[in-house]
Protein backbone atom coordinates (compact mmCIF):
# COMPACT_ATOMS: atom_id res chain seq x y z
CA UNK A 1 25.00 50.86 21.86
CA UNK A 2 23.89 52.25 25.22
CA UNK A 3 25.03 49.02 26.89
CA UNK A 4 28.48 49.36 25.35
CA UNK A 5 28.73 52.99 26.45
CA UNK A 6 27.75 52.01 29.99
CA UNK A 7 30.34 49.22 30.11
CA UNK A 8 33.02 51.51 28.67
CA UNK A 9 32.40 54.05 31.40
CA UNK A 10 32.48 51.45 34.17
CA UNK A 11 35.66 49.80 32.90
CA UNK A 12 37.55 53.04 32.32
CA UNK A 13 36.61 54.34 35.76
CA UNK A 14 37.73 51.09 37.39
CA UNK A 15 41.01 51.04 35.46
CA UNK A 16 41.78 54.66 36.22
CA UNK A 17 41.50 53.90 39.94
CA UNK A 18 43.34 50.56 39.71
CA UNK A 19 46.47 51.97 38.03
CA UNK A 20 48.76 53.53 40.63
CA UNK A 21 49.34 57.26 40.85
CA UNK A 22 52.85 56.74 39.45
CA UNK A 23 51.45 54.89 36.42
CA UNK A 24 52.29 51.31 37.42
CA UNK A 25 49.69 48.75 36.39
CA UNK A 26 48.90 46.18 39.10
CA UNK A 27 49.54 42.47 38.64
CA UNK A 28 49.87 39.44 40.89
CA UNK A 29 52.19 36.45 41.03
CA UNK A 30 50.45 33.25 42.12
CA UNK A 31 52.59 30.28 43.27
CA UNK A 32 51.97 27.06 41.37
CA UNK A 33 50.61 26.33 37.87
CA UNK A 34 47.31 27.87 36.73
CA UNK A 35 45.30 24.71 37.38
CA UNK A 36 46.85 24.07 40.80
CA UNK A 37 47.76 27.27 42.70
CA UNK A 38 49.53 26.58 45.98
CA UNK A 39 49.50 29.92 47.75
CA UNK A 40 48.15 33.43 47.96
CA UNK A 41 48.72 36.00 45.22
CA UNK A 42 51.64 38.40 45.66
CA UNK A 43 51.36 41.93 44.28
CA UNK A 44 54.04 42.99 41.79
CA UNK A 45 55.01 46.25 40.08
CA UNK A 46 56.37 45.54 36.62
CA UNK A 47 56.99 47.63 33.51
CA UNK A 48 55.86 44.66 31.42
CA UNK A 49 52.20 44.69 32.46
CA UNK A 50 52.21 48.49 32.18
CA UNK A 51 53.64 48.29 28.64
CA UNK A 52 51.22 45.63 27.41
CA UNK A 53 48.37 47.55 29.03
CA UNK A 54 49.36 50.66 27.11
CA UNK A 55 49.45 48.66 23.88
CA UNK A 56 45.93 47.44 24.63
CA UNK A 57 44.78 51.05 25.06
CA UNK A 58 46.39 52.21 21.82
CA UNK A 59 43.08 52.86 20.09
CA UNK A 60 41.66 54.66 23.10
CA UNK A 61 43.95 57.70 22.97
CA UNK A 62 41.24 60.21 22.11
CA UNK A 63 42.19 63.81 22.97
CA UNK A 64 38.55 64.44 23.87
CA UNK A 65 38.71 61.69 26.50
CA UNK A 66 40.58 63.46 29.29
CA UNK A 67 40.43 60.49 31.64
CA UNK A 68 41.96 57.99 29.22
CA UNK A 69 44.58 60.50 28.00
CA UNK A 70 45.70 61.17 31.58
CA UNK A 71 45.89 57.44 32.28
CA UNK A 72 48.04 56.88 29.21
CA UNK A 73 50.35 59.77 30.11
CA UNK A 74 51.02 58.60 33.65
CA UNK A 75 51.52 55.01 32.48
CA UNK A 76 54.15 56.20 30.00
CA UNK A 77 55.79 58.08 32.85
CA UNK A 78 56.23 54.83 34.78
CA UNK A 79 57.89 53.22 31.76
CA UNK A 80 60.29 56.13 31.40
CA UNK A 81 61.25 55.95 35.09
CA UNK A 82 61.92 52.19 34.92
CA UNK A 83 63.96 52.40 31.70
CA UNK A 84 67.69 51.67 31.75
CA UNK A 85 70.04 53.37 29.30
CA UNK A 86 69.95 53.29 26.34
CA UNK A 87 66.35 52.03 26.36
CA UNK A 88 66.21 48.62 28.04
CA UNK A 89 63.78 47.19 30.58
CA UNK A 90 63.89 44.35 33.10
CA UNK A 91 60.90 42.58 34.58
CA UNK A 92 61.76 43.69 38.11
CA UNK A 93 64.48 45.79 39.70
CA UNK A 94 67.55 43.59 40.13
CA UNK A 95 66.70 41.39 37.13
CA UNK A 96 68.74 41.41 33.91
CA UNK A 97 67.09 43.22 30.98
CA UNK A 98 64.97 40.99 28.79
CA UNK A 99 63.65 41.08 25.26
CA UNK A 100 59.95 40.87 26.06
CA UNK A 101 59.91 43.84 28.44
CA UNK A 102 62.15 45.87 26.14
CA UNK A 103 60.16 45.12 22.98
CA UNK A 104 56.75 45.82 24.52
CA UNK A 105 57.87 48.96 26.37
CA UNK A 106 59.60 50.29 23.24
CA UNK A 107 56.42 49.77 21.22
CA UNK A 108 54.32 51.36 23.96
CA UNK A 109 56.54 54.45 24.25
CA UNK A 110 57.33 54.74 20.54
CA UNK A 111 58.04 58.43 19.89
CA UNK A 112 57.25 59.47 23.47
CA UNK A 113 60.94 59.29 24.48
CA UNK A 114 63.97 60.40 22.42
CA UNK A 115 65.96 57.22 23.09
CA UNK A 116 63.17 55.10 21.63
CA UNK A 117 62.31 57.51 18.82
CA UNK A 118 65.96 57.59 17.72
CA UNK A 119 66.32 53.79 17.90
CA UNK A 120 69.25 53.89 20.32
CA UNK A 121 68.26 50.53 21.80
CA UNK A 122 67.72 48.67 18.54
CA UNK A 123 71.35 47.56 18.22
CA UNK A 124 71.12 45.77 21.56
CA UNK A 125 67.82 44.25 20.47
CA UNK A 126 69.35 42.81 17.30
CA UNK A 127 72.28 41.46 19.32
CA UNK A 128 70.01 39.48 21.64
CA UNK A 129 69.90 36.37 19.46
CA UNK A 130 71.02 32.79 19.87
CA UNK A 131 73.32 31.31 17.19
CA UNK A 132 70.42 30.11 15.03
CA UNK A 133 69.07 33.67 14.83
CA UNK A 134 66.05 33.46 17.11
CA UNK A 135 65.68 36.02 19.86
CA UNK A 136 66.54 35.26 23.44
CA UNK A 137 64.23 36.01 26.32
CA UNK A 138 67.00 37.13 28.70
CA UNK A 139 69.58 39.52 27.28
CA UNK A 140 72.29 38.26 29.65
CA UNK A 141 72.89 35.78 32.44
CA UNK A 142 73.07 31.98 32.72
CA UNK A 143 69.74 31.37 30.96
CA UNK A 144 70.44 33.74 28.06
CA UNK A 145 70.52 30.94 25.46
CA UNK A 146 67.57 29.07 27.00
CA UNK A 147 63.83 29.72 27.27
CA UNK A 148 63.32 30.65 23.60
CA UNK A 149 59.65 31.63 23.34
CA UNK A 150 57.65 32.25 20.15
CA UNK A 151 55.61 35.08 21.70
CA UNK A 152 58.78 36.88 22.76
CA UNK A 153 60.11 36.48 19.22
CA UNK A 154 56.87 37.85 17.74
CA UNK A 155 57.05 40.85 20.07
CA UNK A 156 60.66 41.49 19.04
CA UNK A 157 59.62 41.44 15.38
CA UNK A 158 56.75 43.78 16.19
CA UNK A 159 59.29 46.21 17.62
CA UNK A 160 62.22 45.75 15.20
CA UNK A 161 60.23 45.15 12.01
CA UNK A 162 61.26 43.32 8.85
CA UNK A 163 65.02 43.66 9.31
CA UNK A 164 67.19 40.87 7.94
CA UNK A 165 68.24 40.08 11.51
CA UNK A 166 64.63 39.05 12.22
CA UNK A 167 64.29 36.43 9.47
CA UNK A 168 65.07 33.37 11.60
CA UNK A 169 62.73 34.62 14.31
CA UNK A 170 59.95 35.12 11.75
CA UNK A 171 60.42 31.56 10.45
CA UNK A 172 60.22 30.28 14.02
CA UNK A 173 57.02 32.20 14.76
CA UNK A 174 55.33 31.18 11.50
CA UNK A 175 56.17 27.52 12.15
CA UNK A 176 54.82 27.79 15.69
CA UNK A 177 51.53 29.19 14.39
CA UNK A 178 51.11 26.44 11.79
CA UNK A 179 52.15 23.61 14.10
CA UNK A 180 51.68 23.11 17.81
CA UNK A 181 51.90 26.61 19.21
CA UNK A 182 51.98 25.38 22.80
CA UNK A 183 55.27 23.58 22.19
CA UNK A 184 56.89 26.91 21.24
CA UNK A 185 55.65 28.73 24.34
CA UNK A 186 57.71 28.91 27.52
CA UNK A 187 56.33 31.91 29.37
CA UNK A 188 52.85 32.01 27.87
CA UNK A 189 49.88 29.79 28.60
CA UNK A 190 47.63 29.88 25.54
CA UNK A 191 48.01 29.94 21.73
CA UNK A 192 45.94 33.14 21.59
CA UNK A 193 48.89 34.89 23.26
CA UNK A 194 50.96 34.05 20.17
CA UNK A 195 48.15 35.01 17.80
CA UNK A 196 47.81 38.38 19.51
CA UNK A 197 51.54 39.13 19.31
CA UNK A 198 51.59 38.25 15.59
CA UNK A 199 48.49 40.35 14.85
CA UNK A 200 49.98 43.29 16.73
CA UNK A 201 53.21 43.04 14.73
CA UNK A 202 51.31 42.95 11.43
CA UNK A 203 49.13 45.86 12.52
CA UNK A 204 52.34 47.82 13.09
CA UNK A 205 53.37 47.23 9.48
CA UNK A 206 55.46 44.06 9.72
CA UNK A 207 55.12 41.97 6.54
CA UNK A 208 57.37 39.03 7.46
CA UNK A 209 54.69 37.47 9.69
CA UNK A 210 51.85 37.74 7.16
CA UNK A 211 52.22 34.05 6.15
CA UNK A 212 50.97 33.20 9.66
CA UNK A 213 47.73 35.19 9.40
CA UNK A 214 45.51 32.30 8.30
CA UNK A 215 46.61 30.28 11.32
CA UNK A 216 46.34 33.31 13.58
CA UNK A 217 42.77 33.88 12.42
CA UNK A 218 42.00 30.22 13.10
CA UNK A 219 43.31 30.54 16.67
CA UNK A 220 41.13 33.58 17.28
CA UNK A 221 38.06 31.86 15.82
CA UNK A 222 38.54 28.86 18.10
CA UNK A 223 38.45 31.13 21.15
CA UNK A 224 35.50 33.22 19.98
CA UNK A 225 33.46 30.09 19.22
CA UNK A 226 34.28 28.46 22.57
CA UNK A 227 31.28 28.81 24.89
CA UNK A 228 33.55 28.40 27.91
CA UNK A 229 36.26 30.88 26.95
CA UNK A 230 37.18 33.22 29.84
CA UNK A 231 36.67 36.96 29.32
CA UNK A 232 40.40 37.68 29.00
CA UNK A 233 40.73 35.20 26.14
CA UNK A 234 37.68 36.65 24.41
CA UNK A 235 39.19 40.13 24.65
CA UNK A 236 42.50 38.86 23.23
CA UNK A 237 40.73 37.06 20.38
CA UNK A 238 38.78 40.21 19.56
CA UNK A 239 42.05 42.14 19.47
CA UNK A 240 43.26 39.69 16.83
CA UNK A 241 39.99 39.58 14.88
CA UNK A 242 39.63 43.35 14.77
CA UNK A 243 43.28 43.88 13.79
CA UNK A 244 43.00 41.50 10.84
CA UNK A 245 39.31 42.00 10.03
CA UNK A 246 39.20 38.35 9.03
CA UNK A 247 36.24 37.03 11.05
CA UNK A 248 32.50 37.67 10.58
CA UNK A 249 31.00 40.48 12.63
CA UNK A 250 28.30 38.26 14.25
CA UNK A 251 31.04 36.13 15.82
CA UNK A 252 32.71 39.23 17.19
CA UNK A 253 29.43 40.79 18.34
CA UNK A 254 28.60 37.71 20.41
CA UNK A 255 31.90 38.09 22.26
CA UNK A 256 31.24 41.81 22.76
CA UNK A 257 27.93 40.99 24.43
CA UNK A 258 29.71 38.61 26.81
CA UNK A 259 32.33 41.24 27.67
CA UNK A 260 29.65 43.86 28.30
CA UNK A 261 27.97 41.43 30.69
CA UNK A 262 31.30 40.78 32.44
CA UNK A 263 31.94 44.48 33.02
CA UNK A 264 28.39 45.35 34.04
CA UNK A 265 28.39 42.45 36.51
CA UNK A 266 31.80 43.06 38.08
CA UNK A 267 32.79 46.60 37.14
CA UNK A 268 35.92 45.30 35.38
CA UNK A 269 37.15 42.25 33.47
CA UNK A 270 38.50 39.36 35.53
CA UNK A 271 41.89 38.04 34.52
CA UNK A 272 42.92 34.59 33.48
CA UNK A 273 46.60 33.61 33.42
CA UNK A 274 48.52 36.22 31.42
CA UNK A 275 51.90 34.47 31.50
CA UNK A 276 53.92 31.86 33.38
CA UNK A 277 56.97 31.91 35.59
CA UNK A 278 59.58 29.26 35.00
CA UNK A 279 60.95 28.17 38.36
CA UNK A 280 63.07 24.98 38.50
CA UNK A 281 62.70 22.12 38.91
CA UNK A 282 59.16 21.91 37.53
CA UNK A 283 57.93 24.80 35.40
CA UNK A 284 55.64 26.54 35.62
CA UNK A 285 56.54 27.35 39.19
CA UNK A 286 54.10 30.26 39.23
CA UNK A 287 51.68 32.17 37.06
CA UNK A 288 50.64 35.78 36.76
CA UNK A 289 47.33 37.59 36.58
CA UNK A 290 46.27 41.18 36.01
CA UNK A 291 42.68 42.36 36.12
CA UNK A 292 43.98 45.73 34.91
CA UNK A 293 45.38 44.21 31.71
CA UNK A 294 42.24 42.15 31.13
CA UNK A 295 40.13 45.29 31.59
CA UNK A 296 42.31 47.29 29.19
CA UNK A 297 41.92 44.64 26.50
CA UNK A 298 38.17 44.69 27.10
CA UNK A 299 38.12 48.48 26.84
CA UNK A 300 39.89 48.27 23.50
CA UNK A 301 37.42 45.69 22.20
CA UNK A 302 34.40 47.70 23.35
CA UNK A 303 35.75 50.95 21.89
CA UNK A 304 36.33 49.31 18.49
CA UNK A 305 32.84 47.80 18.54
CA UNK A 306 31.35 51.20 19.32
CA UNK A 307 33.22 52.85 16.43
CA UNK A 308 32.01 50.30 13.90
CA UNK A 309 28.46 50.42 15.29
CA UNK A 310 28.49 46.75 16.21
CA UNK A 311 27.81 44.79 19.33
CA UNK A 312 24.58 45.00 21.33
């Protein structure tokens, strides 16, 4: 347990310094696909990484932990400042609003802003569907009916819940989990991204995605049993396993030991690809990384292990 406590302190201190004073979580855009980068990383400031980081820290909001509470508060402040009326978000200033940013930021803010608490933006969320009922990625623009991604749809269901308007999206996500998940991913690089979005939706009380849980658990187990899995993927798989409580504790504890080693060695958790950028003519034209997000997911996993008395 002392090792977990030490790693928790290191990771939280690193993250607190990495997140900007205005609450923006750092991320980088890297030209080229993940296995063949073609240029240097470019720093970006996006509400999306901030929102997903906040979701990763959801179980860390302990009023006795002043440092983590202050980090969460200033991160929420960044989301509020980047919000467009009546509660929409775009990936970057000048971009059209999109479903993934809006869903994740709405979940991250929840009751922390009256527009989100009152559901003012939900009507626009329900309207962002293609004719077959699945959710778009882009809410407007020339690609609005293209780039339909299963992770984006799972995040929209996590936000909007079991509404009738979400039925086609739920069918799409469940089919993606039971079939070839990679074929249903446009902006995401790994099936565990889909598993994590589904587990998060179910954890928030969504029942329509429960038929996918067996497949989601299988995806998480494959990562946790992979000796070569990068730390980010282990942290994501633990997020799924802990949310569903469907995998044996020894499997999870092994991954915890690896994450503790990662943090003690580096002071933080190194990122793998968190999502892809689709740039014609040959997607992916770029990929994105965030050590801050990877570290937040690791913090969440370590905190849960400490509470249950598991790990090393």
